[in-house]
Amino acid sequence: MAKREPQTTISNQRGRHPVQKRLKPLRRAVKLPVWGDLSIRLGAALFLIFIVVMIHWWDRDGLVDSVDGDVSFLDVVYFTMISITTTGFGDIAPVTDSARLKEAIIVTPIRFAVFFIFVGTAYNFIIKRSWEKWRMARIQEKLSDHVVVLGYGVSGSQSVEELIERGTKADDIVVVDPSEERLKEAEKLGVNVIAADATRDETLKAVRVSMAKNVLVSAGRDDTSILIVLTVRHLAPKVPISVVVRADDNELLARQAGANNVINPVRFTGLLLAGSANGPHIADYLADLASVSGRVHLVERVVTEEECGCSITELSTGGRGLRVYRNGRAIGFWEEECQNLQPGDVIVEIVPSTNGNGNGNGNGNGE
């Protein structure tokens, strides 16, 4: 029986909640919030109208009121509004050449600008947003070769940030979490999000988990994470699954549930602590390897055609080969088999980082 952890981020009992009849659709953050967009448009329209009011007020001698012959400020505001909206009752009209010239050269372009602001607002809030919902629904239906992150706690959020730093497009990441607060943070990164329970078949089908490139599970509780792994493996027999567990005796259960990679952050922290006891720089180097922001990082890839027959020390990337996986067996760089790479071999190598924090030059000597 999986041991329970104190933190909970995703419901851990499949039968605790009734089956969701309708999942919330996939969504992605907009660059400008609705209230901000509306405020800018309304402010621009009011500013243009104010300019027209001032023009008419300063040139009110060129206007004639056929009702009482007097053009007051209220008459100017009234004339401005019917002029901009092209209503034109005819009770107030420009009669002098200067007034008509200003109406033609200044007021008319402003009238068109205000008109397009209101048309654009209607398009943005009705047509465009409806189109965006439809587009996201189509994206959701055709998701493939994407990364699904189930749980957006501490580990999940760090993994998403690291994925983006490593070159994964935010559009190709889907985050599933029941917490709207956490999903708002995920949306800031530009990823797709969906508020739902990751232990449900309906949720995983909605994010097309069977078509995913990878699935990362970090539910905050070992029992919940293992249940999610079981559900994912049932729906996606061939998709690689990585899961975070915190209890040592739950690692075996996670693998039996179908996880390809089991990460124990407690164990990794212990390795860093033990390494620091044996040397002041070992922990620093391990942390460097684990992050793409360091000077070097680990890369796993399939051997290229031109590398076949070569030694692990003669990689085309200039990286330092550490290990070869051949037919499910791990071979160290010091072993004889690594001196003759074969088609289908998987290589784990250290390569210099190409970001701003690293000094790697791509020849394997950047360290």
Protein backbone atom coordinates (compact mmCIF):
# COMPACT_ATOMS: atom_id res chain seq x y z
CA MET A 1 0.00 0.00 0.00
CA ALA A 2 1.46 3.37 -1.01
CA LYS A 3 2.32 5.58 1.93
CA ARG A 4 0.53 8.89 2.09
CA GLU A 5 2.32 12.21 2.04
CA PRO A 6 1.09 15.29 3.93
CA GLN A 7 0.56 17.52 0.90
CA THR A 8 -2.42 17.13 -1.42
CA THR A 9 -2.79 18.79 -4.80
CA ILE A 10 -5.04 16.43 -6.75
CA SER A 11 -7.97 14.32 -5.54
CA ASN A 12 -6.63 10.86 -4.74
CA GLN A 13 -9.80 8.78 -4.63
CA ARG A 14 -11.27 7.83 -7.98
CA GLY A 15 -14.74 7.37 -6.53
CA ARG A 16 -14.82 10.34 -4.20
CA HIS A 17 -16.32 12.79 -6.69
CA PRO A 18 -19.06 12.13 -9.24
CA VAL A 19 -17.90 11.66 -12.81
CA GLN A 20 -17.45 15.00 -14.56
CA LYS A 21 -20.03 15.25 -17.31
CA ARG A 22 -18.43 18.25 -18.94
CA LEU A 23 -14.81 19.18 -18.60
CA LYS A 24 -13.61 22.73 -18.76
CA PRO A 25 -12.04 23.27 -22.18
CA LEU A 26 -8.36 23.76 -22.82
CA ARG A 27 -7.34 27.39 -22.56
CA ARG A 28 -4.32 29.64 -22.95
CA ALA A 29 -3.64 33.05 -21.41
CA VAL A 30 -4.29 36.16 -23.49
CA LYS A 31 -1.57 38.80 -23.67
CA LEU A 32 -3.88 41.59 -22.45
CA PRO A 33 -6.67 41.06 -19.91
CA VAL A 34 -10.22 41.88 -20.93
CA TRP A 35 -10.55 44.85 -18.60
CA GLY A 36 -7.24 46.28 -19.82
CA ASP A 37 -8.19 45.99 -23.49
CA LEU A 38 -11.62 47.51 -22.87
CA SER A 39 -10.16 50.39 -20.84
CA ILE A 40 -7.66 51.27 -23.57
CA ARG A 41 -10.32 51.26 -26.28
CA LEU A 42 -12.82 53.26 -24.23
CA GLY A 43 -10.16 55.76 -23.18
CA ALA A 44 -9.04 56.27 -26.79
CA ALA A 45 -12.63 56.85 -27.96
CA LEU A 46 -13.36 59.35 -25.18
CA PHE A 47 -10.12 61.19 -25.87
CA LEU A 48 -10.96 61.58 -29.57
CA ILE A 49 -14.50 62.74 -28.74
CA PHE A 50 -13.06 65.29 -26.28
CA ILE A 51 -10.82 66.66 -29.05
CA VAL A 52 -13.81 67.12 -31.36
CA VAL A 53 -15.79 68.84 -28.58
CA MET A 54 -12.93 71.30 -28.03
CA ILE A 55 -12.61 71.99 -31.77
CA HIS A 56 -16.31 72.72 -32.05
CA TRP A 57 -16.27 74.86 -28.89
CA TRP A 58 -13.33 76.97 -30.05
CA ASP A 59 -14.97 77.45 -33.46
CA ARG A 60 -18.55 77.75 -32.20
CA ASP A 61 -18.95 81.05 -34.08
CA GLY A 62 -18.92 78.98 -37.27
CA LEU A 63 -21.92 76.98 -36.08
CA VAL A 64 -25.56 78.02 -36.37
CA ASP A 65 -28.39 76.73 -34.19
CA SER A 66 -31.63 76.92 -36.19
CA VAL A 67 -33.73 76.54 -33.03
CA ASP A 68 -32.70 79.47 -30.80
CA GLY A 69 -29.68 80.94 -32.63
CA ASP A 70 -27.41 80.46 -29.61
CA VAL A 71 -24.70 77.76 -29.52
CA SER A 72 -24.03 76.78 -25.89
CA PHE A 73 -21.52 74.24 -24.59
CA LEU A 74 -24.33 71.70 -24.28
CA ASP A 75 -25.19 72.39 -27.93
CA VAL A 76 -21.53 71.76 -28.84
CA VAL A 77 -21.51 68.40 -27.01
CA TYR A 78 -24.81 67.51 -28.65
CA PHE A 79 -23.58 68.50 -32.13
CA THR A 80 -20.34 66.55 -31.59
CA MET A 81 -22.17 63.34 -30.69
CA ILE A 82 -24.65 63.48 -33.60
CA SER A 83 -21.78 64.41 -35.90
CA ILE A 84 -19.54 61.53 -34.84
CA THR A 85 -22.41 59.06 -35.01
CA THR A 86 -23.38 60.52 -38.45
CA THR A 87 -26.95 61.03 -37.27
CA GLY A 88 -27.20 64.61 -38.57
CA PHE A 89 -30.58 66.12 -37.55
CA GLY A 90 -29.70 69.41 -39.22
CA ASP A 91 -30.68 71.69 -36.32
CA ILE A 92 -27.03 72.69 -35.80
CA ALA A 93 -24.70 73.00 -38.77
CA PRO A 94 -21.32 74.56 -39.71
CA VAL A 95 -21.84 77.60 -41.94
CA THR A 96 -18.47 79.36 -42.24
CA ASP A 97 -15.66 78.19 -44.50
CA SER A 98 -13.27 77.63 -41.59
CA ALA A 99 -15.81 75.53 -39.68
CA ARG A 100 -16.54 73.39 -42.73
CA LEU A 101 -12.81 72.99 -43.43
CA LYS A 102 -12.14 71.78 -39.87
CA GLU A 103 -15.13 69.46 -40.11
CA ALA A 104 -13.75 67.94 -43.31
CA ILE A 105 -10.05 67.75 -42.44
CA ILE A 106 -10.06 67.09 -38.67
CA VAL A 107 -13.46 65.91 -37.48
CA THR A 108 -14.17 63.46 -40.31
CA PRO A 109 -10.95 61.41 -39.79
CA ILE A 110 -11.66 61.36 -36.03
CA ARG A 111 -15.21 60.18 -36.80
CA PHE A 112 -13.79 57.24 -38.76
CA ALA A 113 -11.28 56.50 -35.98
CA VAL A 114 -13.99 56.35 -33.32
CA PHE A 115 -16.13 54.18 -35.60
CA PHE A 116 -13.28 51.70 -36.11
CA ILE A 117 -12.58 51.63 -32.36
CA PHE A 118 -16.12 50.52 -31.64
CA VAL A 119 -16.15 48.07 -34.55
CA GLY A 120 -12.79 46.70 -33.39
CA THR A 121 -14.10 46.34 -29.85
CA ALA A 122 -17.11 44.39 -31.06
CA TYR A 123 -14.82 42.18 -33.14
CA ASN A 124 -12.38 41.59 -30.28
CA PHE A 125 -14.94 40.78 -27.60
CA ILE A 126 -17.45 38.86 -29.68
CA ILE A 127 -16.00 37.50 -32.92
CA LYS A 128 -12.33 37.14 -31.95
CA ARG A 129 -12.92 35.60 -28.53
CA SER A 130 -15.49 33.20 -29.97
CA TRP A 131 -12.95 32.30 -32.63
CA GLU A 132 -10.26 31.77 -29.98
CA LYS A 133 -12.51 29.38 -28.05
CA TRP A 134 -13.25 27.50 -31.25
CA ARG A 135 -9.54 27.42 -32.17
CA MET A 136 -8.53 26.10 -28.73
CA ALA A 137 -11.20 23.41 -29.05
CA ARG A 138 -9.68 22.38 -32.40
CA ILE A 139 -6.18 22.40 -30.89
CA GLN A 140 -7.46 20.23 -28.05
CA GLU A 141 -8.93 17.76 -30.52
CA LYS A 142 -5.69 17.52 -32.52
CA LEU A 143 -3.10 17.53 -29.72
CA SER A 144 -0.13 15.30 -30.52
CA ASP A 145 3.54 14.99 -29.61
CA HIS A 146 2.97 17.27 -26.62
CA VAL A 147 4.11 17.14 -23.00
CA VAL A 148 1.39 16.60 -20.39
CA VAL A 149 2.17 17.82 -16.86
CA LEU A 150 -0.22 16.39 -14.30
CA GLY A 151 -0.02 18.51 -11.15
CA TYR A 152 1.35 22.04 -10.95
CA GLY A 153 2.83 22.18 -7.49
CA VAL A 154 6.47 22.95 -6.70
CA SER A 155 7.91 20.09 -8.75
CA GLY A 156 5.44 20.50 -11.61
CA SER A 157 6.03 24.23 -11.97
CA GLN A 158 9.79 23.79 -11.91
CA SER A 159 9.60 21.09 -14.57
CA VAL A 160 7.51 23.31 -16.88
CA GLU A 161 9.96 26.21 -16.53
CA GLU A 162 12.89 23.87 -17.19
CA LEU A 163 11.17 22.39 -20.24
CA ILE A 164 10.68 25.84 -21.73
CA GLU A 165 14.32 26.74 -20.99
CA ARG A 166 15.41 23.55 -22.74
CA GLY A 167 13.60 24.58 -25.90
CA THR A 168 10.14 23.03 -25.61
CA LYS A 169 7.51 25.40 -26.99
CA ALA A 170 4.97 26.56 -24.44
CA ASP A 171 2.24 25.72 -26.97
CA ASP A 172 3.33 22.08 -26.78
CA ILE A 173 2.84 21.81 -23.00
CA VAL A 174 -0.49 21.00 -21.33
CA VAL A 175 -0.84 21.46 -17.57
CA VAL A 176 -3.64 19.69 -15.68
CA ASP A 177 -4.46 20.77 -12.13
CA PRO A 178 -7.71 21.32 -10.19
CA SER A 179 -6.49 24.60 -8.67
CA GLU A 180 -7.38 27.73 -10.65
CA GLU A 181 -4.86 29.71 -8.60
CA ARG A 182 -1.99 27.46 -9.68
CA LEU A 183 -3.22 27.39 -13.27
CA LYS A 184 -3.12 31.18 -13.41
CA GLU A 185 0.59 30.97 -12.68
CA ALA A 186 1.00 28.35 -15.41
CA GLU A 187 -0.86 30.53 -17.90
CA LYS A 188 1.70 33.29 -17.42
CA LEU A 189 4.23 30.99 -19.09
CA GLY A 190 1.99 30.66 -22.15
CA VAL A 191 1.22 26.95 -21.74
CA ASN A 192 -2.16 25.31 -22.29
CA VAL A 193 -4.04 24.56 -19.09
CA ILE A 194 -7.14 22.66 -18.06
CA ALA A 195 -8.78 22.63 -14.62
CA ALA A 196 -9.69 19.02 -13.87
CA ASP A 197 -8.92 15.91 -11.81
CA ALA A 198 -5.99 14.03 -13.38
CA THR A 199 -7.11 10.68 -11.93
CA ARG A 200 -10.15 10.67 -14.22
CA ASP A 201 -10.16 8.92 -17.58
CA GLU A 202 -12.21 11.79 -19.00
CA THR A 203 -9.53 14.32 -18.07
CA LEU A 204 -6.69 12.36 -19.65
CA LYS A 205 -8.71 11.72 -22.78
CA ALA A 206 -9.47 15.45 -23.02
CA VAL A 207 -5.74 16.23 -23.19
CA ARG A 208 -5.17 13.31 -25.59
CA VAL A 209 -2.68 11.61 -23.32
CA SER A 210 -2.37 8.66 -25.72
CA MET A 211 -0.85 11.03 -28.31
CA ALA A 212 1.53 12.74 -25.88
CA LYS A 213 5.31 12.77 -26.23
CA ASN A 214 5.85 12.53 -22.46
CA VAL A 215 3.76 12.59 -19.31
CA LEU A 216 5.14 14.14 -16.12
CA VAL A 217 3.28 13.32 -12.89
CA SER A 218 3.73 15.34 -9.71
CA ALA A 219 0.54 15.19 -7.67
CA GLY A 220 2.01 16.03 -4.26
CA ARG A 221 1.02 12.66 -2.74
CA ASP A 222 2.54 9.30 -3.59
CA ASP A 223 -0.78 7.43 -3.56
CA THR A 224 -2.34 9.99 -5.90
CA SER A 225 0.67 10.01 -8.20
CA ILE A 226 0.68 6.20 -8.45
CA LEU A 227 -3.07 6.17 -9.20
CA ILE A 228 -2.49 8.74 -11.96
CA VAL A 229 0.34 6.64 -13.40
CA LEU A 230 -1.97 3.59 -13.46
CA THR A 231 -4.66 5.59 -15.26
CA VAL A 232 -2.23 7.06 -17.78
CA ARG A 233 -0.64 3.68 -18.50
CA HIS A 234 -4.09 2.18 -19.06
CA LEU A 235 -4.95 4.85 -21.65
CA ALA A 236 -1.46 5.27 -23.14
CA PRO A 237 0.47 1.98 -23.05
CA LYS A 238 3.49 3.30 -24.98
CA VAL A 239 3.85 6.90 -23.73
CA PRO A 240 6.89 7.52 -21.44
CA ILE A 241 5.81 8.44 -17.90
CA SER A 242 7.96 10.18 -15.29
CA VAL A 243 6.65 10.47 -11.75
CA VAL A 244 7.76 12.08 -8.50
CA VAL A 245 7.49 9.99 -5.31
CA ARG A 246 8.83 10.85 -1.88
CA ALA A 247 8.85 7.54 -0.02
CA ASP A 248 11.52 4.96 -0.91
CA ASP A 249 9.18 1.97 -0.67
CA ASN A 250 6.77 3.64 -3.12
CA GLU A 251 9.35 3.72 -5.92
CA LEU A 252 8.79 0.05 -6.73
CA LEU A 253 5.01 0.54 -6.70
CA ALA A 254 5.36 3.47 -9.11
CA ARG A 255 7.39 1.33 -11.52
CA GLN A 256 4.92 -1.52 -11.24
CA ALA A 257 2.14 0.97 -12.02
CA GLY A 258 3.88 1.70 -15.33
CA ALA A 259 6.25 4.61 -14.72
CA ASN A 260 9.37 4.64 -16.89
CA ASN A 261 11.20 7.08 -14.64
CA VAL A 262 10.74 7.49 -10.90
CA ILE A 263 12.25 10.59 -9.31
CA ASN A 264 12.69 10.80 -5.57
CA PRO A 265 13.55 14.40 -4.60
CA VAL A 266 14.40 13.32 -1.07
CA ARG A 267 16.93 10.81 -2.39
CA PHE A 268 18.42 13.37 -4.78
CA THR A 269 18.78 15.87 -1.94
CA GLY A 270 20.56 13.19 0.07
CA LEU A 271 22.96 12.60 -2.84
CA LEU A 272 23.77 16.30 -2.95
CA LEU A 273 24.37 16.39 0.79
CA ALA A 274 26.58 13.29 0.69
CA GLY A 275 28.48 14.68 -2.27
CA SER A 276 29.17 17.93 -0.48
CA ALA A 277 30.68 15.94 2.40
CA ASN A 278 33.14 14.26 0.04
CA GLY A 279 34.14 17.45 -1.77
CA PRO A 280 33.05 21.10 -1.79
CA HIS A 281 32.32 21.14 -5.54
CA ILE A 282 30.57 17.80 -6.13
CA ALA A 283 27.10 19.03 -5.12
CA ASP A 284 27.58 22.16 -7.22
CA TYR A 285 28.47 20.06 -10.26
CA LEU A 286 25.50 17.72 -9.79
CA ALA A 287 23.14 20.69 -9.58
CA ASP A 288 24.84 22.14 -12.66
CA LEU A 289 24.15 18.95 -14.62
CA ALA A 290 20.52 18.86 -13.54
CA SER A 291 19.69 22.34 -14.84
CA VAL A 292 19.86 23.69 -18.37
CA SER A 293 20.92 27.06 -16.94
CA GLY A 294 24.27 25.64 -15.80
CA ARG A 295 27.57 25.53 -17.68
CA VAL A 296 27.03 21.93 -18.79
CA HIS A 297 24.02 19.64 -19.08
CA LEU A 298 23.18 16.03 -19.81
CA VAL A 299 21.75 14.97 -23.17
CA GLU A 300 20.25 11.61 -24.11
CA ARG A 301 20.04 10.83 -27.82
CA VAL A 302 20.23 8.04 -30.39
CA VAL A 303 23.59 7.50 -32.08
CA THR A 304 23.83 9.04 -35.54
CA GLU A 305 24.69 7.11 -38.69
CA GLU A 306 28.12 8.72 -39.02
CA GLU A 307 28.96 7.87 -35.40
CA CYS A 308 28.38 4.13 -35.90
CA GLY A 309 31.68 2.27 -35.63
CA CYS A 310 33.32 5.14 -33.75
CA SER A 311 34.30 5.30 -30.10
CA ILE A 312 32.20 7.05 -27.47
CA THR A 313 35.05 9.56 -27.21
CA GLU A 314 34.55 10.59 -30.85
CA LEU A 315 31.03 11.97 -30.78
CA SER A 316 30.05 14.37 -33.56
CA THR A 317 28.62 16.86 -31.06
CA GLY A 318 31.94 17.25 -29.28
CA GLY A 319 30.31 16.15 -26.03
CA ARG A 320 31.80 13.78 -23.48
CA GLY A 321 30.08 10.40 -23.72
CA LEU A 322 29.27 8.80 -20.36
CA ARG A 323 27.12 5.78 -21.06
CA VAL A 324 25.60 3.73 -23.86
CA TYR A 325 22.30 1.87 -23.60
CA ARG A 326 22.27 -1.16 -25.89
CA ASN A 327 19.49 -3.75 -25.88
CA GLY A 328 18.35 -2.56 -22.46
CA ARG A 329 21.86 -2.82 -20.95
CA ALA A 330 23.87 0.12 -19.59
CA ILE A 331 27.50 0.22 -20.79
CA GLY A 332 30.03 2.57 -19.16
CA PHE A 333 32.42 4.68 -21.22
CA TRP A 334 35.37 2.59 -19.95
CA GLU A 335 33.98 -0.69 -21.24
CA GLU A 336 35.16 -2.21 -24.50
CA GLU A 337 31.70 -2.16 -26.15
CA CYS A 338 31.68 1.64 -26.03
CA GLN A 339 34.62 1.74 -28.44
CA ASN A 340 32.37 0.56 -31.27
CA LEU A 341 29.02 2.34 -31.39
CA GLN A 342 26.22 0.47 -33.14
CA PRO A 343 22.95 1.57 -34.81
CA GLY A 344 20.17 1.96 -32.26
CA ASP A 345 22.52 2.75 -29.37
CA VAL A 346 21.29 5.44 -26.99
CA ILE A 347 24.04 7.76 -25.74
CA VAL A 348 24.09 9.82 -22.56
CA GLU A 349 26.62 12.62 -22.89
CA ILE A 350 27.68 15.87 -21.24
CA VAL A 351 27.63 18.88 -23.55
CA PRO A 352 28.55 22.52 -22.87
CA SER A 353 25.63 24.84 -22.29
CA THR A 354 24.89 27.35 -25.03
CA ASN A 355 23.03 29.83 -22.80
CA GLY A 356 24.33 33.02 -21.29
CA ASN A 357 25.51 31.37 -18.08
CA GLY A 358 27.73 28.82 -19.77
CA ASN A 359 31.06 29.25 -21.44
CA GLY A 360 30.78 26.16 -23.61
CA ASN A 361 32.18 26.49 -27.13
CA GLY A 362 30.65 23.33 -28.55
CA ASN A 363 33.90 21.37 -28.75
CA GLY A 364 33.57 19.47 -25.52
CA ASN A 365 36.15 21.61 -23.75
CA GLY A 366 33.82 24.29 -22.48
CA GLU A 367 34.26 23.08 -18.90
